C-alpha atoms as a PDB file:
ATOM      1  CA  UNK A   1     231.279  27.091 176.127  1.00  0.00           C
ATOM      2  CA  UNK A   2     233.205  29.408 178.902  1.00  0.00           C
ATOM      3  CA  UNK A   3     232.438  27.100 181.495  1.00  0.00           C
ATOM      4  CA  UNK A   4     233.607  24.237 179.474  1.00  0.00           C
ATOM      5  CA  UNK A   5     237.096  26.094 178.688  1.00  0.00           C
ATOM      6  CA  UNK A   6     237.369  27.211 182.172  1.00  0.00           C
ATOM      7  CA  UNK A   7     236.874  23.607 183.608  1.00  0.00           C
ATOM      8  CA  UNK A   8     239.567  22.100 181.273  1.00  0.00           C
ATOM      9  CA  UNK A   9     242.077  25.021 182.244  1.00  0.00           C
ATOM     10  CA  UNK A  10     241.426  24.206 185.967  1.00  0.00           C
ATOM     11  CA  UNK A  11     242.057  20.328 185.228  1.00  0.00           C
ATOM     12  CA  UNK A  12     245.235  21.151 183.457  1.00  0.00           C
ATOM     13  CA  UNK A  13     246.617  23.333 186.350  1.00  0.00           C
ATOM     14  CA  UNK A  14     245.771  20.820 188.955  1.00  0.00           C
ATOM     15  CA  UNK A  15     246.872  17.902 187.230  1.00  0.00           C
ATOM     16  CA  UNK A  16     249.187  19.023 184.513  1.00  0.00           C
ATOM     17  CA  UNK A  17     247.358  16.605 182.084  1.00  0.00           C
ATOM     18  CA  UNK A  18     245.961  18.619 178.975  1.00  0.00           C
ATOM     19  CA  UNK A  19     242.749  17.692 177.063  1.00  0.00           C
ATOM     20  CA  UNK A  20     241.759  19.400 174.086  1.00  0.00           C
ATOM     21  CA  UNK A  21     238.655  21.155 174.591  1.00  0.00           C
ATOM     22  CA  UNK A  22     237.592  21.498 171.148  1.00  0.00           C
ATOM     23  CA  UNK A  23     235.366  18.641 170.721  1.00  0.00           C
ATOM     24  CA  UNK A  24     233.157  19.229 173.945  1.00  0.00           C
ATOM     25  CA  UNK A  25     233.079  23.004 173.126  1.00  0.00           C
ATOM     26  CA  UNK A  26     231.852  22.001 169.437  1.00  0.00           C
ATOM     27  CA  UNK A  27     229.208  19.547 171.162  1.00  0.00           C
ATOM     28  CA  UNK A  28     228.069  22.470 173.547  1.00  0.00           C
ATOM     29  CA  UNK A  29     227.842  24.979 170.532  1.00  0.00           C
ATOM     30  CA  UNK A  30     225.934  22.641 168.298  1.00  0.00           C
ATOM     31  CA  UNK A  31     223.499  21.525 171.363  1.00  0.00           C
ATOM     32  CA  UNK A  32     222.797  25.306 171.751  1.00  0.00           C
ATOM     33  CA  UNK A  33     222.181  26.052 168.134  1.00  0.00           C
ATOM     34  CA  UNK A  34     219.801  22.964 167.793  1.00  0.00           C
ATOM     35  CA  UNK A  35     217.886  23.827 171.062  1.00  0.00           C
ATOM     36  CA  UNK A  36     217.359  27.572 169.847  1.00  0.00           C
ATOM     37  CA  UNK A  37     216.439  26.149 166.488  1.00  0.00           C
ATOM     38  CA  UNK A  38     213.825  23.893 167.928  1.00  0.00           C
ATOM     39  CA  UNK A  39     212.430  26.706 170.301  1.00  0.00           C
ATOM     40  CA  UNK A  40     212.106  28.809 167.424  1.00  0.00           C
ATOM     41  CA  UNK A  41     210.307  26.251 165.138  1.00  0.00           C
ATOM     42  CA  UNK A  42     208.038  25.522 168.078  1.00  0.00           C
ATOM     43  CA  UNK A  43     207.239  29.193 168.848  1.00  0.00           C
ATOM     44  CA  UNK A  44     206.389  29.679 164.957  1.00  0.00           C
ATOM     45  CA  UNK A  45     204.316  26.429 164.927  1.00  0.00           C
ATOM     46  CA  UNK A  46     202.305  27.827 167.724  1.00  0.00           C
ATOM     47  CA  UNK A  47     201.908  31.178 165.941  1.00  0.00           C
ATOM     48  CA  UNK A  48     200.810  29.381 162.945  1.00  0.00           C
ATOM     49  CA  UNK A  49     198.234  27.594 164.767  1.00  0.00           C
ATOM     50  CA  UNK A  50     196.959  30.529 166.703  1.00  0.00           C
ATOM     51  CA  UNK A  51     196.725  32.387 163.295  1.00  0.00           C
ATOM     52  CA  UNK A  52     194.849  29.476 161.693  1.00  0.00           C
ATOM     53  CA  UNK A  53     192.510  28.678 164.385  1.00  0.00           C
ATOM     54  CA  UNK A  54     191.471  32.552 165.311  1.00  0.00           C
ATOM     55  CA  UNK A  55     191.520  33.783 161.598  1.00  0.00           C
ATOM     56  CA  UNK A  56     188.010  32.117 161.580  1.00  0.00           C
ATOM     57  CA  UNK A  57     187.019  34.436 164.167  1.00  0.00           C
ATOM     58  CA  UNK A  58     189.172  37.466 164.126  1.00  0.00           C
ATOM     59  CA  UNK A  59     190.455  39.831 161.568  1.00  0.00           C
ATOM     60  CA  UNK A  60     194.234  39.508 160.535  1.00  0.00           C
ATOM     61  CA  UNK A  61     194.813  42.942 162.352  1.00  0.00           C
ATOM     62  CA  UNK A  62     193.539  41.656 165.675  1.00  0.00           C
ATOM     63  CA  UNK A  63     195.514  38.436 165.368  1.00  0.00           C
ATOM     64  CA  UNK A  64     198.665  40.347 164.606  1.00  0.00           C
ATOM     65  CA  UNK A  65     198.080  42.564 167.263  1.00  0.00           C
ATOM     66  CA  UNK A  66     197.503  39.749 169.909  1.00  0.00           C
ATOM     67  CA  UNK A  67     200.809  37.987 168.531  1.00  0.00           C
ATOM     68  CA  UNK A  68     202.936  41.105 168.811  1.00  0.00           C
ATOM     69  CA  UNK A  69     201.348  42.021 172.165  1.00  0.00           C
ATOM     70  CA  UNK A  70     200.275  38.617 174.038  1.00  0.00           C
ATOM     71  CA  UNK A  71     199.817  40.794 177.235  1.00  0.00           C
ATOM     72  CA  UNK A  72     196.673  41.943 175.399  1.00  0.00           C
ATOM     73  CA  UNK A  73     195.219  38.612 176.046  1.00  0.00           C
ATOM     74  CA  UNK A  74     193.696  39.547 179.307  1.00  0.00           C
ATOM     75  CA  UNK A  75     190.280  41.240 180.574  1.00  0.00           C
ATOM     76  CA  UNK A  76     190.089  44.976 180.003  1.00  0.00           C
ATOM     77  CA  UNK A  77     189.517  47.599 177.547  1.00  0.00           C
ATOM     78  CA  UNK A  78     190.021  51.160 176.612  1.00  0.00           C
ATOM     79  CA  UNK A  79     187.970  53.998 175.476  1.00  0.00           C
ATOM     80  CA  UNK A  80     188.538  55.183 171.971  1.00  0.00           C
ATOM     81  CA  UNK A  81     186.744  56.966 169.017  1.00  0.00           C
ATOM     82  CA  UNK A  82     185.170  54.324 166.534  1.00  0.00           C
ATOM     83  CA  UNK A  83     182.737  53.669 164.098  1.00  0.00           C
ATOM     84  CA  UNK A  84     180.209  50.804 164.707  1.00  0.00           C
ATOM     85  CA  UNK A  85     178.179  48.860 162.094  1.00  0.00           C
ATOM     86  CA  UNK A  86     175.174  46.829 162.327  1.00  0.00           C
ATOM     87  CA  UNK A  87     173.409  44.821 159.585  1.00  0.00           C
ATOM     88  CA  UNK A  88     170.453  42.592 159.353  1.00  0.00           C
ATOM     89  CA  UNK A  89     168.525  41.051 156.647  1.00  0.00           C
ATOM     90  CA  UNK A  90     164.989  42.122 155.960  1.00  0.00           C
ATOM     91  CA  UNK A  91     162.654  39.237 156.674  1.00  0.00           C
ATOM     92  CA  UNK A  92     165.239  36.501 157.026  1.00  0.00           C
ATOM     93  CA  UNK A  93     163.083  34.636 159.490  1.00  0.00           C
ATOM     94  CA  UNK A  94     160.329  34.063 156.883  1.00  0.00           C
ATOM     95  CA  UNK A  95     163.119  32.856 154.697  1.00  0.00           C
ATOM     96  CA  UNK A  96     164.438  30.479 157.011  1.00  0.00           C
ATOM     97  CA  UNK A  97     160.993  28.980 157.905  1.00  0.00           C
ATOM     98  CA  UNK A  98     160.491  27.724 154.495  1.00  0.00           C
ATOM     99  CA  UNK A  99     163.947  26.359 153.606  1.00  0.00           C
ATOM    100  CA  UNK A 100     165.657  23.191 154.781  1.00  0.00           C
ATOM    101  CA  UNK A 101     168.113  23.777 157.500  1.00  0.00           C
ATOM    102  CA  UNK A 102     170.931  22.381 155.582  1.00  0.00           C
ATOM    103  CA  UNK A 103     170.238  24.689 152.438  1.00  0.00           C
ATOM    104  CA  UNK A 104     169.641  27.617 155.119  1.00  0.00           C
ATOM    105  CA  UNK A 105     172.876  27.145 156.583  1.00  0.00           C
ATOM    106  CA  UNK A 106     174.573  27.106 152.956  1.00  0.00           C
ATOM    107  CA  UNK A 107     172.680  30.084 152.032  1.00  0.00           C
ATOM    108  CA  UNK A 108     173.774  31.830 155.123  1.00  0.00           C
ATOM    109  CA  UNK A 109     177.286  31.245 154.808  1.00  0.00           C
ATOM    110  CA  UNK A 110     177.602  32.377 151.298  1.00  0.00           C
ATOM    111  CA  UNK A 111     175.816  35.776 152.196  1.00  0.00           C
ATOM    112  CA  UNK A 112     178.014  36.211 155.290  1.00  0.00           C
ATOM    113  CA  UNK A 113     181.208  35.234 153.507  1.00  0.00           C
ATOM    114  CA  UNK A 114     180.714  37.682 150.861  1.00  0.00           C
ATOM    115  CA  UNK A 115     179.685  40.497 153.165  1.00  0.00           C
ATOM    116  CA  UNK A 116     182.365  39.856 155.865  1.00  0.00           C
ATOM    117  CA  UNK A 117     185.040  40.035 153.046  1.00  0.00           C
ATOM    118  CA  UNK A 118     184.025  43.460 152.110  1.00  0.00           C
ATOM    119  CA  UNK A 119     184.336  44.554 155.599  1.00  0.00           C
ATOM    120  CA  UNK A 120     187.657  42.825 156.389  1.00  0.00           C
ATOM    121  CA  UNK A 121     188.929  44.083 153.148  1.00  0.00           C
ATOM    122  CA  UNK A 122     188.341  47.777 154.477  1.00  0.00           C
ATOM    123  CA  UNK A 123     190.415  46.690 157.461  1.00  0.00           C
ATOM    124  CA  UNK A 124     187.026  46.251 159.563  1.00  0.00           C
ATOM    125  CA  UNK A 125     186.769  43.989 162.497  1.00  0.00           C
ATOM    126  CA  UNK A 126     183.958  41.347 162.663  1.00  0.00           C
ATOM    127  CA  UNK A 127     182.709  41.519 166.084  1.00  0.00           C
ATOM    128  CA  UNK A 128     180.375  38.600 166.103  1.00  0.00           C
ATOM    129  CA  UNK A 129     177.527  37.216 164.069  1.00  0.00           C
ATOM    130  CA  UNK A 130     173.988  36.721 165.259  1.00  0.00           C
ATOM    131  CA  UNK A 131     172.182  34.691 162.826  1.00  0.00           C
ATOM    132  CA  UNK A 132     172.032  36.867 159.632  1.00  0.00           C
ATOM    133  CA  UNK A 133     173.222  39.780 161.364  1.00  0.00           C
ATOM    134  CA  UNK A 134     176.808  41.323 161.328  1.00  0.00           C
ATOM    135  CA  UNK A 135     178.188  43.441 164.117  1.00  0.00           C
ATOM    136  CA  UNK A 136     181.555  45.006 163.151  1.00  0.00           C
ATOM    137  CA  UNK A 137     183.583  48.047 163.824  1.00  0.00           C
ATOM    138  CA  UNK A 138     186.425  50.136 162.389  1.00  0.00           C
ATOM    139  CA  UNK A 139     189.336  51.926 164.123  1.00  0.00           C
ATOM    140  CA  UNK A 140     190.662  49.045 166.437  1.00  0.00           C
ATOM    141  CA  UNK A 141     192.872  47.407 167.036  1.00  0.00           C
ATOM    142  CA  UNK A 142     194.467  49.387 164.306  1.00  0.00           C
ATOM    143  CA  UNK A 143     194.137  53.084 164.579  1.00  0.00           C
ATOM    144  CA  UNK A 144     192.682  54.668 161.481  1.00  0.00           C
ATOM    145  CA  UNK A 145     191.604  58.312 161.113  1.00  0.00           C
ATOM    146  CA  UNK A 146     189.311  57.587 158.318  1.00  0.00           C
ATOM    147  CA  UNK A 147     187.334  54.803 160.063  1.00  0.00           C
ATOM    148  CA  UNK A 148     183.939  56.241 159.401  1.00  0.00           C
ATOM    149  CA  UNK A 149     184.664  56.665 155.681  1.00  0.00           C
ATOM    150  CA  UNK A 150     185.838  52.825 155.837  1.00  0.00           C
ATOM    151  CA  UNK A 151     182.523  51.911 157.438  1.00  0.00           C
ATOM    152  CA  UNK A 152     180.498  53.877 154.841  1.00  0.00           C
ATOM    153  CA  UNK A 153     182.541  52.217 151.877  1.00  0.00           C
ATOM    154  CA  UNK A 154     181.790  48.830 153.239  1.00  0.00           C
ATOM    155  CA  UNK A 155     177.861  49.592 153.401  1.00  0.00           C
ATOM    156  CA  UNK A 156     177.502  50.839 149.841  1.00  0.00           C
ATOM    157  CA  UNK A 157     179.891  48.029 148.656  1.00  0.00           C
ATOM    158  CA  UNK A 158     177.904  45.421 150.708  1.00  0.00           C
ATOM    159  CA  UNK A 159     174.603  46.834 149.054  1.00  0.00           C
ATOM    160  CA  UNK A 160     176.332  46.271 145.469  1.00  0.00           C
ATOM    161  CA  UNK A 161     177.436  42.839 146.241  1.00  0.00           C
ATOM    162  CA  UNK A 162     174.026  42.198 147.242  1.00  0.00           C
ATOM    163  CA  UNK A 163     172.437  42.605 144.003  1.00  0.00           C
ATOM    164  CA  UNK A 164     175.157  40.365 142.474  1.00  0.00           C
ATOM    165  CA  UNK A 165     174.338  37.609 145.234  1.00  0.00           C
ATOM    166  CA  UNK A 166     170.561  37.794 145.077  1.00  0.00           C
ATOM    167  CA  UNK A 167     170.673  37.142 141.136  1.00  0.00           C
ATOM    168  CA  UNK A 168     172.782  33.957 141.929  1.00  0.00           C
ATOM    169  CA  UNK A 169     170.425  32.993 144.923  1.00  0.00           C
ATOM    170  CA  UNK A 170     167.375  33.342 142.535  1.00  0.00           C
ATOM    171  CA  UNK A 171     169.135  31.728 139.576  1.00  0.00           C
ATOM    172  CA  UNK A 172     170.101  28.809 141.340  1.00  0.00           C
ATOM    173  CA  UNK A 173     167.227  28.924 143.690  1.00  0.00           C
ATOM    174  CA  UNK A 174     169.253  28.845 147.009  1.00  0.00           C
ATOM    175  CA  UNK A 175     166.937  31.333 148.470  1.00  0.00           C
ATOM    176  CA  UNK A 176     162.929  31.909 147.958  1.00  0.00           C
ATOM    177  CA  UNK A 177     163.397  35.428 147.736  1.00  0.00           C
ATOM    178  CA  UNK A 178     166.001  38.004 147.674  1.00  0.00           C
ATOM    179  CA  UNK A 179     168.264  38.834 150.747  1.00  0.00           C
ATOM    180  CA  UNK A 180     168.062  42.748 151.381  1.00  0.00           C
ATOM    181  CA  UNK A 181     170.421  44.018 154.063  1.00  0.00           C
ATOM    182  CA  UNK A 182     169.538  46.939 156.419  1.00  0.00           C
ATOM    183  CA  UNK A 183     172.792  48.885 157.921  1.00  0.00           C
ATOM    184  CA  UNK A 184     173.053  51.135 160.852  1.00  0.00           C
ATOM    185  CA  UNK A 185     176.349  53.318 161.363  1.00  0.00           C
ATOM    186  CA  UNK A 186     177.340  55.401 164.220  1.00  0.00           C
ATOM    187  CA  UNK A 187     180.636  57.005 165.173  1.00  0.00           C
ATOM    188  CA  UNK A 188     181.477  57.758 169.105  1.00  0.00           C
ATOM    189  CA  UNK A 189     183.266  56.992 172.129  1.00  0.00           C
ATOM    190  CA  UNK A 190     183.402  53.187 172.841  1.00  0.00           C
ATOM    191  CA  UNK A 191     185.071  50.658 175.167  1.00  0.00           C
ATOM    192  CA  UNK A 192     186.843  48.239 172.963  1.00  0.00           C
ATOM    193  CA  UNK A 193     189.085  45.137 174.342  1.00  0.00           C
ATOM    194  CA  UNK A 194     188.477  41.630 175.713  1.00  0.00           C
ATOM    195  CA  UNK A 195     185.160  41.125 177.746  1.00  0.00           C
ATOM    196  CA  UNK A 196     183.974  38.137 179.445  1.00  0.00           C
ATOM    197  CA  UNK A 197     186.117  35.601 181.569  1.00  0.00           C
ATOM    198  CA  UNK A 198     189.899  34.390 181.789  1.00  0.00           C
ATOM    199  CA  UNK A 199     188.550  31.101 180.060  1.00  0.00           C
ATOM    200  CA  UNK A 200     186.231  32.713 177.473  1.00  0.00           C
ATOM    201  CA  UNK A 201     186.745  36.290 176.188  1.00  0.00           C
ATOM    202  CA  UNK A 202     185.731  38.451 173.180  1.00  0.00           C
ATOM    203  CA  UNK A 203     187.390  41.075 171.627  1.00  0.00           C
ATOM    204  CA  UNK A 204     184.306  43.465 171.431  1.00  0.00           C
ATOM    205  CA  UNK A 205     182.884  47.017 171.604  1.00  0.00           C
ATOM    206  CA  UNK A 206     180.431  48.506 174.263  1.00  0.00           C
ATOM    207  CA  UNK A 207     178.761  51.825 175.067  1.00  0.00           C
ATOM    208  CA  UNK A 208     176.022  54.086 174.275  1.00  0.00           C
ATOM    209  CA  UNK A 209     177.629  54.891 171.039  1.00  0.00           C
ATOM    210  CA  UNK A 210     177.459  51.066 169.892  1.00  0.00           C
ATOM    211  CA  UNK A 211     173.649  50.913 171.092  1.00  0.00           C
ATOM    212  CA  UNK A 212     172.937  53.795 168.841  1.00  0.00           C
ATOM    213  CA  UNK A 213     174.564  51.935 166.015  1.00  0.00           C
ATOM    214  CA  UNK A 214     172.174  49.191 166.599  1.00  0.00           C
ATOM    215  CA  UNK A 215     169.145  51.318 166.785  1.00  0.00           C
ATOM    216  CA  UNK A 216     169.752  53.084 163.504  1.00  0.00           C
ATOM    217  CA  UNK A 217     169.942  49.712 161.827  1.00  0.00           C
ATOM    218  CA  UNK A 218     166.242  49.099 162.996  1.00  0.00           C
ATOM    219  CA  UNK A 219     165.260  52.698 162.434  1.00  0.00           C
ATOM    220  CA  UNK A 220     165.590  52.030 158.572  1.00  0.00           C
ATOM    221  CA  UNK A 221     162.047  50.453 158.790  1.00  0.00           C
ATOM    222  CA  UNK A 222     160.432  53.739 159.694  1.00  0.00           C
ATOM    223  CA  UNK A 223     161.779  55.443 156.557  1.00  0.00           C
ATOM    224  CA  UNK A 224     162.301  52.690 154.062  1.00  0.00           C
ATOM    225  CA  UNK A 225     166.050  53.131 153.692  1.00  0.00           C
ATOM    226  CA  UNK A 226     168.562  50.577 153.831  1.00  0.00           C
ATOM    227  CA  UNK A 227     171.562  52.530 155.239  1.00  0.00           C
ATOM    228  CA  UNK A 228     171.081  54.986 157.850  1.00  0.00           C
ATOM    229  CA  UNK A 229     174.148  56.893 159.709  1.00  0.00           C
ATOM    230  CA  UNK A 230     174.236  59.384 162.582  1.00  0.00           C
ATOM    231  CA  UNK A 231     175.476  63.081 162.218  1.00  0.00           C
ATOM    232  CA  UNK A 232     178.692  61.952 163.715  1.00  0.00           C
ATOM    233  CA  UNK A 233     179.305  59.552 160.805  1.00  0.00           C
ATOM    234  CA  UNK A 234     178.020  62.025 158.155  1.00  0.00           C
ATOM    235  CA  UNK A 235     180.804  64.860 159.750  1.00  0.00           C
ATOM    236  CA  UNK A 236     183.751  62.414 159.493  1.00  0.00           C
ATOM    237  CA  UNK A 237     183.322  60.919 155.925  1.00  0.00           C
ATOM    238  CA  UNK A 238     184.222  64.095 153.663  1.00  0.00           C
ATOM    239  CA  UNK A 239     182.650  64.646 150.339  1.00  0.00           C
ATOM    240  CA  UNK A 240     182.926  61.458 148.683  1.00  0.00           C
ATOM    241  CA  UNK A 241     179.235  60.227 149.159  1.00  0.00           C
ATOM    242  CA  UNK A 242     175.749  61.063 148.384  1.00  0.00           C
ATOM    243  CA  UNK A 243     173.657  61.400 151.706  1.00  0.00           C
ATOM    244  CA  UNK A 244     170.237  62.360 152.296  1.00  0.00           C
ATOM    245  CA  UNK A 245     169.272  64.325 155.342  1.00  0.00           C
ATOM    246  CA  UNK A 246     166.339  62.701 157.595  1.00  0.00           C
ATOM    247  CA  UNK A 247     164.651  63.604 160.870  1.00  0.00           C
ATOM    248  CA  UNK A 248     166.326  64.453 164.281  1.00  0.00           C
ATOM    249  CA  UNK A 249     165.142  61.655 166.539  1.00  0.00           C
ATOM    250  CA  UNK A 250     165.625  60.105 170.136  1.00  0.00           C
ATOM    251  CA  UNK A 251     166.140  56.311 169.848  1.00  0.00           C
ATOM    252  CA  UNK A 252     164.994  54.017 172.553  1.00  0.00           C
ATOM    253  CA  UNK A 253     167.439  54.110 175.548  1.00  0.00           C
ATOM    254  CA  UNK A 254     169.019  57.212 174.071  1.00  0.00           C
ATOM    255  CA  UNK A 255     167.804  60.701 175.243  1.00  0.00           C
ATOM    256  CA  UNK A 256     170.150  62.855 173.066  1.00  0.00           C
ATOM    257  CA  UNK A 257     168.591  63.756 169.799  1.00  0.00           C
ATOM    258  CA  UNK A 258     170.130  62.547 166.794  1.00  0.00           C
ATOM    259  CA  UNK A 259     170.243  63.934 163.214  1.00  0.00           C
ATOM    260  CA  UNK A 260     169.833  60.962 161.017  1.00  0.00           C
ATOM    261  CA  UNK A 261     171.118  60.794 157.253  1.00  0.00           C
ATOM    262  CA  UNK A 262     170.480  58.064 154.803  1.00  0.00           C
ATOM    263  CA  UNK A 263     173.848  56.938 153.137  1.00  0.00           C
ATOM    264  CA  UNK A 264     172.580  56.625 149.307  1.00  0.00           C
ATOM    265  CA  UNK A 265     175.819  55.644 147.509  1.00  0.00           C
ATOM    266  CA  UNK A 266     179.294  56.948 146.455  1.00  0.00           C
ATOM    267  CA  UNK A 267     179.451  60.170 144.709  1.00  0.00           C
ATOM    268  CA  UNK A 268     180.325  58.811 141.316  1.00  0.00           C
ATOM    269  CA  UNK A 269     177.609  55.913 141.311  1.00  0.00           C
ATOM    270  CA  UNK A 270     174.428  58.237 141.504  1.00  0.00           C
ATOM    271  CA  UNK A 271     172.809  59.183 138.269  1.00  0.00           C
ATOM    272  CA  UNK A 272     171.056  62.762 137.448  1.00  0.00           C
ATOM    273  CA  UNK A 273     167.460  61.525 138.103  1.00  0.00           C
ATOM    274  CA  UNK A 274     168.500  60.523 141.642  1.00  0.00           C
ATOM    275  CA  UNK A 275     170.479  63.663 142.212  1.00  0.00           C
ATOM    276  CA  UNK A 276     167.177  65.709 141.121  1.00  0.00           C
ATOM    277  CA  UNK A 277     164.881  63.816 143.395  1.00  0.00           C
ATOM    278  CA  UNK A 278     167.358  64.178 146.249  1.00  0.00           C
ATOM    279  CA  UNK A 279     167.527  67.841 145.868  1.00  0.00           C
ATOM    280  CA  UNK A 280     163.406  68.112 145.681  1.00  0.00           C
ATOM    281  CA  UNK A 281     163.340  66.214 148.744  1.00  0.00           C
ATOM    282  CA  UNK A 282     165.760  68.575 150.855  1.00  0.00           C
ATOM    283  CA  UNK A 283     163.570  71.036 149.789  1.00  0.00           C
ATOM    284  CA  UNK A 284     160.656  69.211 150.996  1.00  0.00           C
ATOM    285  CA  UNK A 285     162.233  68.559 154.301  1.00  0.00           C
ATOM    286  CA  UNK A 286     163.045  72.297 155.042  1.00  0.00           C
ATOM    287  CA  UNK A 287     159.321  73.013 154.192  1.00  0.00           C
ATOM    288  CA  UNK A 288     158.202  70.108 156.495  1.00  0.00           C
ATOM    289  CA  UNK A 289     160.456  71.488 159.354  1.00  0.00           C
ATOM    290  CA  UNK A 290     158.409  74.805 159.119  1.00  0.00           C
ATOM    291  CA  UNK A 291     155.296  72.578 159.818  1.00  0.00           C
ATOM    292  CA  UNK A 292     153.711  73.704 156.459  1.00  0.00           C
ATOM    293  CA  UNK A 293     152.429  70.216 156.133  1.00  0.00           C
ATOM    294  CA  UNK A 294     150.338  70.648 152.757  1.00  0.00           C
ATOM    295  CA  UNK A 295     153.066  72.364 150.832  1.00  0.00           C
ATOM    296  CA  UNK A 296     155.612  69.673 152.080  1.00  0.00           C
ATOM    297  CA  UNK A 297     153.391  67.016 151.143  1.00  0.00           C
ATOM    298  CA  UNK A 298     153.181  68.083 147.622  1.00  0.00           C
ATOM    299  CA  UNK A 299     156.958  68.509 147.367  1.00  0.00           C
ATOM    300  CA  UNK A 300     157.374  64.823 148.428  1.00  0.00           C
ATOM    301  CA  UNK A 301     154.761  63.824 145.912  1.00  0.00           C
ATOM    302  CA  UNK A 302     157.160  65.325 143.318  1.00  0.00           C
ATOM    303  CA  UNK A 303     160.023  63.215 144.395  1.00  0.00           C
ATOM    304  CA  UNK A 304     157.821  59.945 143.772  1.00  0.00           C
ATOM    305  CA  UNK A 305     157.221  61.300 140.249  1.00  0.00           C
ATOM    306  CA  UNK A 306     161.052  60.919 139.614  1.00  0.00           C
ATOM    307  CA  UNK A 307     161.661  57.869 141.876  1.00  0.00           C
ATOM    308  CA  UNK A 308     158.209  55.918 142.414  1.00  0.00           C
ATOM    309  CA  UNK A 309     159.385  53.723 144.944  1.00  0.00           C
ATOM    310  CA  UNK A 310     161.325  56.317 146.935  1.00  0.00           C
ATOM    311  CA  UNK A 311     160.805  55.034 150.770  1.00  0.00           C
ATOM    312  CA  UNK A 312     161.523  58.280 152.482  1.00  0.00           C
ATOM    313  CA  UNK A 313     159.219  60.343 150.386  1.00  0.00           C
ATOM    314  CA  UNK A 314     156.327  57.964 150.931  1.00  0.00           C
ATOM    315  CA  UNK A 315     157.619  57.941 154.861  1.00  0.00           C
ATOM    316  CA  UNK A 316     157.261  61.924 154.845  1.00  0.00           C
ATOM    317  CA  UNK A 317     153.964  61.813 152.938  1.00  0.00           C
ATOM    318  CA  UNK A 318     152.197  59.589 155.360  1.00  0.00           C
ATOM    319  CA  UNK A 319     153.564  61.646 158.305  1.00  0.00           C
ATOM    320  CA  UNK A 320     152.242  64.966 156.656  1.00  0.00           C
ATOM    321  CA  UNK A 321     148.931  63.617 156.295  1.00  0.00           C
ATOM    322  CA  UNK A 322     148.828  62.447 159.951  1.00  0.00           C
ATOM    323  CA  UNK A 323     149.913  65.826 161.016  1.00  0.00           C
ATOM    324  CA  UNK A 324     147.253  67.252 158.956  1.00  0.00           C
ATOM    325  CA  UNK A 325     144.523  65.272 160.689  1.00  0.00           C
ATOM    326  CA  UNK A 326     146.066  65.851 163.993  1.00  0.00           C
ATOM    327  CA  UNK A 327     148.587  68.555 164.826  1.00  0.00           C
ATOM    328  CA  UNK A 328     151.541  67.579 166.909  1.00  0.00           C
ATOM    329  CA  UNK A 329     151.840  69.439 170.445  1.00  0.00           C
ATOM    330  CA  UNK A 330     152.360  73.065 170.434  1.00  0.00           C
ATOM    331  CA  UNK A 331     155.523  72.650 172.421  1.00  0.00           C
ATOM    332  CA  UNK A 332     156.728  69.949 169.971  1.00  0.00           C
ATOM    333  CA  UNK A 333     160.595  70.383 169.266  1.00  0.00           C
ATOM    334  CA  UNK A 334     160.527  68.575 166.208  1.00  0.00           C
ATOM    335  CA  UNK A 335     162.520  65.614 167.256  1.00  0.00           C
ATOM    336  CA  UNK A 336     160.574  62.297 167.175  1.00  0.00           C
ATOM    337  CA  UNK A 337     160.629  60.079 169.998  1.00  0.00           C
ATOM    338  CA  UNK A 338     160.982  56.238 168.500  1.00  0.00           C
ATOM    339  CA  UNK A 339     159.271  53.690 170.683  1.00  0.00           C
ATOM    340  CA  UNK A 340     160.534  50.633 168.474  1.00  0.00           C
ATOM    341  CA  UNK A 341     163.950  49.309 168.490  1.00  0.00           C
END
């Protein structure tokens, strides 16, 4: 607009002919406003497209972070203390073998939708799906000081939702059997960021702490539990949960011993009989760690009188019997070396 007015002024000085600049100035102004509005609308349209497309793969936090900081759409990561959670459905391969593929996909989508919504409602980030397994983490891209607590809340709420889902699956004959989820949770230093290539990248996590979370999910098989977490998680969740202390173990590929804990439930969701059984179990574990196998076995047997299906009590009774038949080495440090993933 300044250039237009200046041009008319020069024309007037050189020729003495006055031409009113109002119409050209208004035209320039309206053109500028129109182009700016068009550019804004296109930018918003692109953001809407990106949000709609990536909402199917990433949490809203990741999408908002990428829209606010487009430079993050580059390969690279950063080290952060996060909490990783791995879930897997027990015996899902057996279920999939007897189902029609279309029905299987429907069942899996119903299950994954319910579980994923719980994770994202607690501001967790879904890393990826591997069949029936969900890999997620808490504390990135948005920082949360209570990321361990959020992961544990997600785990116990998923187990509650599982009961409701299974009632529907069995009543509507959507599944030949119940879907039972095992969960592993670990807190530690991880690398989080965009990994892959410039053409194809994932916002994901890497590191030994991530591998341990994966191993913990599998360790549930040993103890007959559903949710196992590391000591690092137990230290970060406060007093709002009921947990059960288990062994110290060395997982496959991880040399540092880790104290395991079973995440039982939120504090307000446990009845008196279960609390009593957990108290007796802790007494038995203390005796077990003194290597008094017979006495420990008797205490674990008393746990089964209260909770007959208690997986950890059964696992420890079996271990006591094995050690009674064949004692561990004299230099055994009380840490179990797990050979299976």
